Amino acid sequence: MLTPIPNLEKLKICNDVVLVVRKSRYSFLILKKETNGYFVALPGNKDGEMFMPHDSDIFESIDSAYVLNNLKIKPHFSKQDYKQKFWLIDWESKYAGFYDKNIVLKSNTLHSLDPSVLETLPELVDFTLTCITELHRELCPELINQYGVFRKINLKRNRTIFVDYKYIEEALEKLLYQVRTSQIASFNDGLVFLCKIYTDFQTIHPFLDGNNKIAMKIVDLYLKKWGKKISWENISTSQFHYWTRCARMGHFRAMIAGFRENIQNYSYQLDAKKNEIPKITN
């Protein structure tokens, strides 16, 4: 039985299973309340529930909400980590890493984020491993064991384990090869392609820190062929996390719409010697 929640503010204190309907008519279930967010069930998510922080975009523009009473089957909370997949390259079973919390805690005592890490980076020059690691080193050249080198431990976010550190270089080279050799002519198809680039790079998660900044630079370089760039400063962290979670399950619509909304034309300065716009190496 559905019981309407007249005051949506009561969502924050409701401990029951709730059906939420956004103004766009997109619906999802709130399964369980936590201190800093909710476990929710999204349409098309075959891996069970997903954690969403309180400030997630998904809780914006809510039209109505209903408490689900007298459920005969209680919500099931899976304790398994999510299975990963790629969209531009083949996922191999060896990429599935084993996560050890103690190893990560030990690593955290050796590596710490430095307050002098650059907020802005120069442009990425080419889609190669060397260019990407050199650009990552620019974030904080003083910490040579953390920046400009691939991580040496397995990491996960919530219950998503990233690619096993032993195969980062292999998986990343395969992804960059797809980017370098892509023959996509239309901007619309290119927009879908770059969403897959961004998602696959985040799934590989090659560095201990700064992966999002490098992913942005990869997207920027790819958009150069159409004379476009994205206004990253207009996109919040919660939006990024939501788009990426959806994209990892194959739901690219939110990321595509978000990128399209924040894309602007970009005027490149001509090379004084060659008098031409920089080109992408194929």
Protein backbone atom coordinates (compact mmCIF):
# COMPACT_ATOMS: atom_id res chain seq x y z
CA MET A 1 0.00 0.00 0.00
CA LEU A 2 1.25 3.51 -0.84
CA THR A 3 0.98 6.27 1.75
CA PRO A 4 1.78 9.76 0.39
CA ILE A 5 4.32 11.88 2.27
CA PRO A 6 2.75 15.36 2.24
CA ASN A 7 5.84 17.12 3.57
CA LEU A 8 8.94 16.12 1.60
CA GLU A 9 11.17 17.32 4.43
CA LYS A 10 10.00 14.23 6.32
CA LEU A 11 12.08 12.14 3.90
CA LYS A 12 15.06 12.98 6.10
CA ILE A 13 13.52 11.29 9.14
CA CYS A 14 11.55 8.50 7.45
CA ASN A 15 12.89 5.01 8.22
CA ASP A 16 10.56 3.13 5.86
CA VAL A 17 11.01 2.14 2.24
CA VAL A 18 9.97 5.13 0.12
CA LEU A 19 9.03 5.47 -3.54
CA VAL A 20 10.31 8.83 -4.83
CA VAL A 21 8.99 10.44 -8.01
CA ARG A 22 10.90 13.35 -9.55
CA LYS A 23 9.24 16.08 -11.62
CA SER A 24 10.67 14.44 -14.75
CA ARG A 25 8.63 11.32 -13.70
CA TYR A 26 11.86 9.40 -13.04
CA SER A 27 11.26 7.19 -10.00
CA PHE A 28 13.46 5.31 -7.56
CA LEU A 29 13.30 3.67 -4.12
CA ILE A 30 14.90 4.82 -0.89
CA LEU A 31 15.65 1.54 0.87
CA LYS A 32 17.57 2.57 3.94
CA LYS A 33 18.57 5.78 5.68
CA GLU A 34 22.16 6.36 6.86
CA THR A 35 23.76 9.28 8.70
CA ASN A 36 25.22 10.89 5.56
CA GLY A 37 22.84 9.63 2.88
CA TYR A 38 20.60 6.83 1.66
CA PHE A 39 20.80 3.43 0.05
CA VAL A 40 18.59 3.62 -3.05
CA ALA A 41 17.42 1.30 -5.81
CA LEU A 42 17.62 2.82 -9.29
CA PRO A 43 15.81 1.55 -12.42
CA GLY A 44 18.04 -0.75 -14.44
CA ASN A 45 20.59 -1.31 -11.68
CA LYS A 46 21.07 -5.06 -11.54
CA ASP A 47 23.70 -4.94 -8.79
CA GLY A 48 21.31 -4.12 -5.97
CA GLU A 49 21.21 -0.94 -3.94
CA MET A 50 23.49 2.07 -4.36
CA PHE A 51 24.55 4.65 -1.79
CA MET A 52 23.65 8.30 -2.50
CA PRO A 53 24.82 11.19 -0.27
CA HIS A 54 22.29 13.75 0.94
CA ASP A 55 23.53 16.37 -1.55
CA SER A 56 23.21 14.11 -4.60
CA ASP A 57 21.45 15.64 -7.61
CA ILE A 58 18.99 12.76 -7.60
CA PHE A 59 17.19 14.31 -4.61
CA GLU A 60 16.58 17.57 -6.44
CA SER A 61 13.27 18.41 -8.16
CA ILE A 62 11.25 15.80 -6.25
CA ASP A 63 7.57 15.90 -7.11
CA SER A 64 6.14 13.37 -4.66
CA ALA A 65 7.04 10.52 -2.33
CA TYR A 66 5.18 7.53 -0.93
CA VAL A 67 5.84 5.19 1.98
CA LEU A 68 5.52 1.53 0.97
CA ASN A 69 3.53 -0.16 3.73
CA ASN A 70 3.04 -3.85 4.49
CA LEU A 71 5.81 -5.14 2.25
CA LYS A 72 5.81 -8.94 2.22
CA ILE A 73 9.44 -9.02 1.04
CA LYS A 74 12.00 -6.94 2.88
CA PRO A 75 14.68 -5.11 0.85
CA HIS A 76 17.82 -7.16 0.31
CA PHE A 77 21.17 -5.46 0.88
CA SER A 78 23.94 -7.07 -1.10
CA LYS A 79 27.33 -7.12 0.62
CA GLN A 80 29.26 -8.01 -2.53
CA ASP A 81 31.37 -5.50 -4.43
CA TYR A 82 30.03 -4.32 -7.77
CA LYS A 83 31.21 -6.05 -10.92
CA GLN A 84 33.06 -3.70 -13.23
CA LYS A 85 32.97 -3.41 -17.00
CA PHE A 86 34.38 -1.23 -19.75
CA TRP A 87 32.61 0.41 -22.69
CA LEU A 88 35.42 1.01 -25.18
CA ILE A 89 37.69 -1.97 -24.46
CA ASP A 90 37.13 -5.55 -23.34
CA TRP A 91 36.98 -6.29 -19.64
CA GLU A 92 39.24 -9.18 -18.65
CA SER A 93 38.83 -11.23 -15.50
CA LYS A 94 42.40 -10.45 -14.41
CA TYR A 95 41.47 -6.76 -14.09
CA ALA A 96 39.28 -7.59 -11.07
CA GLY A 97 41.48 -6.68 -8.13
CA PHE A 98 41.33 -7.85 -4.54
CA TYR A 99 40.74 -5.07 -2.03
CA ASP A 100 42.57 -5.19 1.31
CA LYS A 101 41.61 -2.40 3.69
CA ASN A 102 44.75 -2.85 5.81
CA ILE A 103 47.00 -2.29 2.79
CA VAL A 104 45.14 0.91 1.98
CA LEU A 105 45.40 2.17 5.57
CA LYS A 106 49.13 1.46 5.56
CA SER A 107 49.48 3.31 2.27
CA ASN A 108 47.62 6.30 3.71
CA THR A 109 50.29 6.65 6.38
CA LEU A 110 52.95 6.87 3.68
CA HIS A 111 51.12 9.09 1.20
CA SER A 112 49.13 12.16 2.06
CA LEU A 113 47.56 14.88 -0.01
CA ASP A 114 49.70 17.98 -0.16
CA PRO A 115 47.98 21.40 0.17
CA SER A 116 50.18 22.69 -2.66
CA VAL A 117 48.55 20.39 -5.23
CA LEU A 118 47.69 22.45 -8.30
CA GLU A 119 44.04 23.29 -8.82
CA THR A 120 44.61 23.99 -12.52
CA LEU A 121 46.74 22.05 -14.96
CA PRO A 122 48.23 22.77 -18.39
CA GLU A 123 46.61 21.10 -21.37
CA LEU A 124 47.20 17.45 -22.21
CA VAL A 125 49.43 17.17 -25.29
CA ASP A 126 48.58 13.71 -26.61
CA PHE A 127 46.76 10.48 -25.77
CA THR A 128 49.81 8.55 -24.57
CA LEU A 129 50.87 7.00 -21.26
CA THR A 130 53.90 9.28 -21.11
CA CYS A 131 51.89 12.47 -21.61
CA ILE A 132 49.31 11.45 -19.01
CA THR A 133 51.86 10.52 -16.33
CA GLU A 134 53.86 13.70 -16.98
CA LEU A 135 50.71 15.80 -16.69
CA HIS A 136 49.78 14.03 -13.46
CA ARG A 137 53.25 14.81 -12.07
CA GLU A 138 52.51 18.50 -12.63
CA LEU A 139 49.87 18.28 -9.89
CA CYS A 140 52.56 18.03 -7.24
CA PRO A 141 56.14 17.47 -8.49
CA GLU A 142 57.52 17.31 -4.93
CA LEU A 143 55.74 14.03 -4.13
CA ILE A 144 57.50 11.81 -6.67
CA ASN A 145 56.14 8.60 -5.13
CA GLN A 146 52.53 9.70 -5.50
CA TYR A 147 52.28 11.92 -8.59
CA GLY A 148 53.35 10.86 -12.07
CA VAL A 149 53.29 7.16 -11.16
CA PHE A 150 50.52 4.59 -11.26
CA ARG A 151 49.14 3.39 -7.93
CA LYS A 152 50.67 0.26 -6.37
CA ILE A 153 47.64 -0.81 -4.35
CA ASN A 154 44.05 -1.71 -5.16
CA LEU A 155 41.41 0.90 -4.37
CA LYS A 156 37.64 1.04 -4.25
CA ARG A 157 34.94 3.66 -3.78
CA ASN A 158 31.93 2.47 -1.79
CA ARG A 159 31.71 -1.09 -3.18
CA THR A 160 33.24 -0.42 -6.59
CA ILE A 161 36.75 -1.90 -6.92
CA PHE A 162 38.91 -0.30 -9.59
CA VAL A 163 41.18 -2.18 -12.00
CA ASP A 164 43.88 -4.28 -10.34
CA TYR A 165 47.00 -2.13 -10.04
CA LYS A 166 49.13 -4.76 -11.83
CA TYR A 167 47.15 -4.21 -15.06
CA ILE A 168 46.66 -0.45 -14.98
CA GLU A 169 49.23 0.24 -17.69
CA GLU A 170 47.82 -2.48 -19.97
CA ALA A 171 44.20 -1.39 -19.61
CA LEU A 172 45.02 2.31 -19.96
CA GLU A 173 47.11 1.76 -23.09
CA LYS A 174 44.21 -0.16 -24.67
CA LEU A 175 41.84 2.69 -23.84
CA LEU A 176 44.19 5.36 -25.22
CA TYR A 177 44.66 3.35 -28.39
CA GLN A 178 40.89 3.38 -28.93
CA VAL A 179 40.89 7.14 -28.42
CA ARG A 180 43.84 7.75 -30.78
CA THR A 181 42.41 5.61 -33.57
CA SER A 182 38.75 6.60 -33.29
CA GLN A 183 37.12 7.67 -36.58
CA ILE A 184 34.04 9.46 -35.28
CA ALA A 185 32.87 12.19 -37.63
CA SER A 186 29.80 13.72 -35.96
CA PHE A 187 29.86 15.76 -32.78
CA ASN A 188 26.82 13.93 -31.33
CA ASP A 189 28.52 10.54 -31.71
CA GLY A 190 31.70 12.07 -30.33
CA LEU A 191 29.83 13.23 -27.23
CA VAL A 192 28.72 9.67 -26.49
CA PHE A 193 32.25 8.42 -27.16
CA LEU A 194 33.89 10.89 -24.79
CA CYS A 195 31.43 9.91 -22.02
CA LYS A 196 32.68 6.35 -22.43
CA ILE A 197 36.29 7.59 -22.39
CA TYR A 198 35.66 9.41 -19.12
CA THR A 199 33.86 6.44 -17.54
CA ASP A 200 36.46 3.86 -18.58
CA PHE A 201 39.30 6.05 -17.33
CA GLN A 202 37.60 6.39 -13.95
CA THR A 203 37.08 2.61 -13.84
CA ILE A 204 40.81 2.10 -14.42
CA HIS A 205 41.55 4.81 -11.82
CA PRO A 206 45.29 4.74 -12.48
CA PHE A 207 46.44 7.15 -9.77
CA LEU A 208 46.09 7.44 -6.01
CA ASP A 209 44.76 10.96 -6.42
CA GLY A 210 43.93 13.41 -9.19
CA ASN A 211 42.14 10.97 -11.52
CA ASN A 212 39.22 13.32 -12.13
CA LYS A 213 41.48 16.22 -13.11
CA ILE A 214 43.33 14.03 -15.64
CA ALA A 215 40.05 12.64 -17.01
CA MET A 216 38.89 16.22 -17.62
CA LYS A 217 42.06 16.96 -19.60
CA ILE A 218 41.53 13.84 -21.73
CA VAL A 219 37.99 14.98 -22.52
CA ASP A 220 39.24 18.51 -23.30
CA LEU A 221 41.82 17.22 -25.77
CA TYR A 222 39.25 15.00 -27.47
CA LEU A 223 36.85 17.95 -27.88
CA LYS A 224 39.52 20.07 -29.58
CA LYS A 225 38.75 18.51 -32.96
CA TRP A 226 35.34 20.21 -32.82
CA GLY A 227 36.64 23.45 -31.34
CA LYS A 228 34.75 22.82 -28.09
CA LYS A 229 35.54 22.64 -24.39
CA ILE A 230 33.58 21.98 -21.21
CA SER A 231 33.09 24.56 -18.48
CA TRP A 232 34.11 22.21 -15.69
CA GLU A 233 33.74 24.90 -13.03
CA ASN A 234 29.96 24.79 -13.55
CA ILE A 235 29.71 21.08 -12.66
CA SER A 236 29.49 20.06 -9.00
CA THR A 237 31.24 17.09 -7.44
CA SER A 238 27.91 15.43 -6.61
CA GLN A 239 26.87 15.74 -10.27
CA PHE A 240 30.10 14.08 -11.36
CA HIS A 241 29.62 11.20 -8.94
CA TYR A 242 26.01 10.66 -9.95
CA TRP A 243 26.78 10.75 -13.70
CA THR A 244 29.69 8.35 -13.27
CA ARG A 245 27.67 5.87 -11.19
CA CYS A 246 24.93 5.85 -13.82
CA ALA A 247 27.42 5.60 -16.71
CA ARG A 248 29.18 2.62 -15.15
CA MET A 249 25.86 0.76 -15.44
CA GLY A 250 25.39 1.85 -19.05
CA HIS A 251 23.11 4.82 -18.36
CA PHE A 252 24.93 7.62 -20.18
CA ARG A 253 21.97 9.95 -20.68
CA ALA A 254 22.62 12.09 -17.59
CA MET A 255 26.33 12.50 -18.37
CA ILE A 256 25.67 13.29 -22.03
CA ALA A 257 23.06 15.90 -21.11
CA GLY A 258 25.32 17.39 -18.45
CA PHE A 259 28.32 17.64 -20.76
CA ARG A 260 26.20 19.08 -23.57
CA GLU A 261 24.75 21.70 -21.23
CA ASN A 262 28.22 22.86 -20.19
CA ILE A 263 29.99 22.73 -23.57
CA GLN A 264 31.12 25.99 -25.10
CA ASN A 265 33.01 27.02 -28.23
CA TYR A 266 36.72 27.42 -27.75
CA SER A 267 39.11 29.68 -29.66
CA TYR A 268 42.55 28.13 -30.00
CA GLN A 269 45.56 30.37 -30.37
CA LEU A 270 47.39 29.75 -33.61
CA ASP A 271 50.91 28.41 -33.46
CA ALA A 272 53.14 31.34 -34.40
CA LYS A 273 55.56 29.12 -36.33
CA LYS A 274 53.15 26.78 -38.11
CA ASN A 275 50.17 29.15 -38.16
CA GLU A 276 47.76 26.29 -37.54
CA ILE A 277 45.43 24.93 -34.88
CA PRO A 278 46.95 22.09 -32.80
CA LYS A 279 45.81 18.69 -34.10
CA ILE A 280 45.12 15.40 -32.39
CA THR A 281 47.55 12.60 -33.21
CA ASN A 282 45.73 9.62 -34.73
